[in-house]
C-alpha atoms as a PDB file:
ATOM      1  CA  MET A   1       0.000   0.000   0.000  1.00  0.00           C
ATOM      2  CA  PRO A   2       1.460   3.390  -0.983  1.00  0.00           C
ATOM      3  CA  ILE A   3       2.319   5.696   1.868  1.00  0.00           C
ATOM      4  CA  SER A   4       2.844   8.956  -0.022  1.00  0.00           C
ATOM      5  CA  LYS A   5       2.295  10.578  -3.395  1.00  0.00           C
ATOM      6  CA  ALA A   6       5.919   9.800  -4.213  1.00  0.00           C
ATOM      7  CA  ASP A   7       5.134   6.109  -3.831  1.00  0.00           C
ATOM      8  CA  LEU A   8       2.113   6.491  -6.111  1.00  0.00           C
ATOM      9  CA  GLY A   9       4.245   8.227  -8.725  1.00  0.00           C
ATOM     10  CA  GLU A  10       6.871   5.513  -8.500  1.00  0.00           C
ATOM     11  CA  ASN A  11       4.172   2.862  -9.005  1.00  0.00           C
ATOM     12  CA  ASN A  12       2.858   4.746 -12.044  1.00  0.00           C
ATOM     13  CA  LEU A  13       6.332   4.941 -13.565  1.00  0.00           C
ATOM     14  CA  THR A  14       6.852   1.236 -12.895  1.00  0.00           C
ATOM     15  CA  ALA A  15       3.530   0.528 -14.625  1.00  0.00           C
ATOM     16  CA  LEU A  16       4.604   2.562 -17.669  1.00  0.00           C
ATOM     17  CA  GLU A  17       7.863   0.646 -17.839  1.00  0.00           C
ATOM     18  CA  SER A  18       6.008  -2.653 -17.510  1.00  0.00           C
ATOM     19  CA  ILE A  19       3.926  -1.900 -20.623  1.00  0.00           C
ATOM     20  CA  GLY A  20       7.021  -1.200 -22.671  1.00  0.00           C
ATOM     21  CA  MET A  21       8.216   2.348 -22.076  1.00  0.00           C
ATOM     22  CA  THR A  22      11.956   2.636 -21.738  1.00  0.00           C
ATOM     23  CA  ARG A  23      13.572   4.701 -19.013  1.00  0.00           C
ATOM     24  CA  LYS A  24      14.591   7.220 -21.675  1.00  0.00           C
ATOM     25  CA  GLN A  25      10.969   7.566 -22.830  1.00  0.00           C
ATOM     26  CA  VAL A  26       9.768   7.988 -19.240  1.00  0.00           C
ATOM     27  CA  ARG A  27      12.427  10.657 -18.648  1.00  0.00           C
ATOM     28  CA  GLU A  28      11.410  12.495 -21.843  1.00  0.00           C
ATOM     29  CA  MET A  29       7.755  12.315 -20.819  1.00  0.00           C
ATOM     30  CA  LEU A  30       8.593  13.798 -17.413  1.00  0.00           C
ATOM     31  CA  MET A  31      10.670  16.553 -19.041  1.00  0.00           C
ATOM     32  CA  PHE A  32       7.724  17.509 -21.284  1.00  0.00           C
ATOM     33  CA  GLU A  33       5.452  17.451 -18.251  1.00  0.00           C
ATOM     34  CA  GLY A  34       7.870  19.793 -16.458  1.00  0.00           C
ATOM     35  CA  ALA A  35       7.935  22.072 -19.506  1.00  0.00           C
ATOM     36  CA  GLY A  36       4.137  22.180 -19.470  1.00  0.00           C
ATOM     37  CA  TYR A  37       4.063  23.116 -15.793  1.00  0.00           C
ATOM     38  CA  ALA A  38       6.673  25.812 -16.409  1.00  0.00           C
ATOM     39  CA  ALA A  39       4.718  27.238 -19.358  1.00  0.00           C
ATOM     40  CA  VAL A  40       1.476  27.377 -17.373  1.00  0.00           C
ATOM     41  CA  ALA A  41       3.178  28.962 -14.356  1.00  0.00           C
ATOM     42  CA  LEU A  42       5.002  31.571 -16.439  1.00  0.00           C
ATOM     43  CA  THR A  43       1.890  32.440 -18.437  1.00  0.00           C
ATOM     44  CA  ALA A  44      -0.170  32.852 -15.269  1.00  0.00           C
ATOM     45  CA  ALA A  45       2.569  34.966 -13.679  1.00  0.00           C
ATOM     46  CA  ALA A  46       2.825  37.191 -16.746  1.00  0.00           C
ATOM     47  CA  VAL A  47      -0.929  37.685 -17.129  1.00  0.00           C
ATOM     48  CA  PHE A  48      -1.854  38.199 -13.482  1.00  0.00           C
ATOM     49  CA  GLY A  49       1.372  40.030 -12.667  1.00  0.00           C
ATOM     50  CA  ASN A  50       0.760  42.500 -15.499  1.00  0.00           C
ATOM     51  CA  LEU A  51      -2.832  43.047 -14.426  1.00  0.00           C
ATOM     52  CA  ILE A  52      -1.688  43.790 -10.877  1.00  0.00           C
ATOM     53  CA  ALA A  53       1.150  46.051 -12.078  1.00  0.00           C
ATOM     54  CA  ILE A  54      -1.158  48.016 -14.387  1.00  0.00           C
ATOM     55  CA  GLY A  55      -3.747  48.390 -11.619  1.00  0.00           C
ATOM     56  CA  LEU A  56      -1.147  49.607  -9.139  1.00  0.00           C
ATOM     57  CA  PHE A  57       0.348  51.984 -11.693  1.00  0.00           C
ATOM     58  CA  ASN A  58      -3.051  53.507 -12.467  1.00  0.00           C
ATOM     59  CA  MET A  59      -3.838  53.834  -8.767  1.00  0.00           C
ATOM     60  CA  LEU A  60      -0.505  55.490  -7.950  1.00  0.00           C
ATOM     61  CA  TYR A  61      -0.669  57.696 -11.046  1.00  0.00           C
ATOM     62  CA  SER A  62      -4.050  59.023  -9.971  1.00  0.00           C
ATOM     63  CA  PHE A  63      -2.644  59.940  -6.524  1.00  0.00           C
ATOM     64  CA  ASP A  64       0.423  61.675  -7.982  1.00  0.00           C
ATOM     65  CA  GLY A  65      -0.510  65.293  -8.587  1.00  0.00           C
ATOM     66  CA  THR A  66       2.722  66.139 -10.408  1.00  0.00           C
ATOM     67  CA  GLY A  67       2.225  63.781 -13.347  1.00  0.00           C
ATOM     68  CA  VAL A  68       5.854  62.654 -13.212  1.00  0.00           C
ATOM     69  CA  PHE A  69       5.206  59.160 -11.887  1.00  0.00           C
ATOM     70  CA  ASN A  70       6.876  56.749 -14.333  1.00  0.00           C
ATOM     71  CA  PHE A  71       6.492  53.015 -14.653  1.00  0.00           C
ATOM     72  CA  HIS A  72       9.372  50.867 -15.828  1.00  0.00           C
ATOM     73  CA  TYR A  73       8.547  47.268 -16.618  1.00  0.00           C
ATOM     74  CA  PRO A  74      10.736  44.994 -14.452  1.00  0.00           C
ATOM     75  CA  ILE A  75      11.884  42.738 -17.297  1.00  0.00           C
ATOM     76  CA  VAL A  76      15.069  41.675 -15.485  1.00  0.00           C
ATOM     77  CA  LEU A  77      13.123  40.552 -12.413  1.00  0.00           C
ATOM     78  CA  PHE A  78      10.632  38.698 -14.610  1.00  0.00           C
ATOM     79  CA  MET A  79      13.469  36.913 -16.431  1.00  0.00           C
ATOM     80  CA  ILE A  80      15.053  35.895 -13.113  1.00  0.00           C
ATOM     81  CA  ALA A  81      11.708  34.582 -11.886  1.00  0.00           C
ATOM     82  CA  ALA A  82      11.205  32.720 -15.179  1.00  0.00           C
ATOM     83  CA  LEU A  83      14.619  31.066 -14.865  1.00  0.00           C
ATOM     84  CA  LEU A  84      13.805  30.009 -11.304  1.00  0.00           C
ATOM     85  CA  VAL A  85      10.473  28.503 -12.386  1.00  0.00           C
ATOM     86  CA  VAL A  86      12.129  26.598 -15.226  1.00  0.00           C
ATOM     87  CA  ALA A  87      14.894  25.379 -12.884  1.00  0.00           C
ATOM     88  CA  VAL A  88      12.364  24.108 -10.341  1.00  0.00           C
ATOM     89  CA  CYS A  89      10.195  22.408 -12.971  1.00  0.00           C
ATOM     90  CA  PHE A  90      13.181  20.649 -14.542  1.00  0.00           C
ATOM     91  CA  SER A  91      15.000  19.733 -11.361  1.00  0.00           C
ATOM     92  CA  HIS A  92      15.732  16.057 -10.846  1.00  0.00           C
ATOM     93  CA  HIS A  93      15.092  14.629  -7.413  1.00  0.00           C
END
């Protein structure tokens, strides 16, 4: 009887190997699964992060009476976050 989700995953991988998948095919399947998770996470972060940033910018701009409030898109921070997400999704345990 499986004790944790890790045990369930191991049983599923064993089942895939028992029906003919090679270890290389299982590894490739897991890499594509990781890529899918990374793509979904990055897309959600970009969409919702931009909505929040635009909302905050508009709110702060309306409070700034001088009209000199500037917004600079934090592309470097987004790229660092994207690299971290990809690294986590592709990490081997």
